Amino acid sequence: MSPVQFGVIMILASMIGLLTPPVGMSLYAVSSITNVSLIDLSKEVIPYVIGIFVVLLLCAFWPPLSLWVPAMIG
């Protein structure tokens, strides 16, 4: 696994972790700022988490997806 691919996978996994309860610090911050309940906010974030998860799987199992920009630069 390329270090660039590993970095992309780690960032995407961190994004999923920040958007899912019980550790989802982004959810708690947005919930307190907007005065929306954590349950309602969690339900609204589900499609985005699914999308990020699909991209995570694609980047993990198809390396050219996460490596095409570095390949164009170098």
Protein backbone atom coordinates (compact mmCIF):
# COMPACT_ATOMS: atom_id res chain seq x y z
CA MET A 1 0.00 0.00 0.00
CA SER A 2 1.30 3.41 -0.97
CA PRO A 3 1.77 5.98 1.83
CA VAL A 4 -0.48 8.36 -0.12
CA GLN A 5 -3.22 5.75 -0.35
CA PHE A 6 -2.83 5.01 3.36
CA GLY A 7 -3.20 8.72 4.15
CA VAL A 8 -6.37 9.02 2.06
CA ILE A 9 -7.87 5.96 3.75
CA MET A 10 -7.01 7.29 7.22
CA ILE A 11 -8.58 10.69 6.47
CA LEU A 12 -11.78 9.11 5.17
CA ALA A 13 -11.98 6.78 8.17
CA SER A 14 -11.47 9.75 10.50
CA MET A 15 -14.30 11.61 8.74
CA ILE A 16 -16.62 8.68 9.34
CA GLY A 17 -15.57 8.56 12.98
CA LEU A 18 -16.26 12.26 13.46
CA LEU A 19 -19.74 11.93 11.96
CA THR A 20 -21.03 8.90 13.83
CA PRO A 21 -22.15 8.69 17.45
CA PRO A 22 -21.10 8.08 20.24
CA VAL A 23 -17.70 9.65 19.55
CA GLY A 24 -18.87 11.98 16.75
CA MET A 25 -17.40 15.24 17.97
CA SER A 26 -18.60 17.07 14.85
CA LEU A 27 -22.15 15.98 15.60
CA TYR A 28 -21.95 17.31 19.14
CA ALA A 29 -20.53 20.64 17.97
CA VAL A 30 -23.14 21.15 15.25
CA SER A 31 -25.92 20.02 17.57
CA SER A 32 -24.98 22.55 20.23
CA ILE A 33 -24.57 25.42 17.74
CA THR A 34 -27.82 24.81 15.83
CA ASN A 35 -29.95 23.62 18.78
CA VAL A 36 -30.94 20.50 16.82
CA SER A 37 -31.23 17.27 18.77
CA LEU A 38 -28.43 14.76 18.34
CA ILE A 39 -30.88 12.07 17.19
CA ASP A 40 -32.34 14.24 14.40
CA LEU A 41 -28.90 15.34 13.29
CA SER A 42 -27.63 11.75 13.25
CA LYS A 43 -30.51 10.72 11.00
CA GLU A 44 -29.76 13.54 8.55
CA VAL A 45 -26.05 12.65 8.35
CA ILE A 46 -26.63 8.99 7.42
CA PRO A 47 -26.59 9.51 3.59
CA TYR A 48 -23.30 11.41 3.82
CA VAL A 49 -21.72 8.73 5.99
CA ILE A 50 -22.81 6.07 3.50
CA GLY A 51 -21.28 8.09 0.66
CA ILE A 52 -18.00 8.55 2.51
CA PHE A 53 -17.96 4.82 3.32
CA VAL A 54 -18.43 3.91 -0.36
CA VAL A 55 -15.57 6.23 -1.34
CA LEU A 56 -13.45 4.71 1.43
CA LEU A 57 -14.05 1.21 0.07
CA LEU A 58 -13.31 2.34 -3.48
CA CYS A 59 -10.04 3.98 -2.43
CA ALA A 60 -9.04 0.95 -0.40
CA PHE A 61 -9.72 -1.66 -3.07
CA TRP A 62 -8.98 0.37 -6.22
CA PRO A 63 -5.69 2.25 -5.60
CA PRO A 64 -5.65 4.27 -8.86
CA LEU A 65 -8.63 6.25 -7.57
CA SER A 66 -6.62 7.76 -4.74
CA LEU A 67 -3.31 7.88 -6.62
CA TRP A 68 -4.21 9.51 -9.95
CA VAL A 69 -3.57 13.10 -8.82
CA PRO A 70 -0.10 12.34 -7.37
CA ALA A 71 0.69 10.39 -10.54
CA MET A 72 -0.18 13.44 -12.66
CA ILE A 73 2.03 15.73 -10.56
CA GLY A 74 5.11 13.51 -10.45
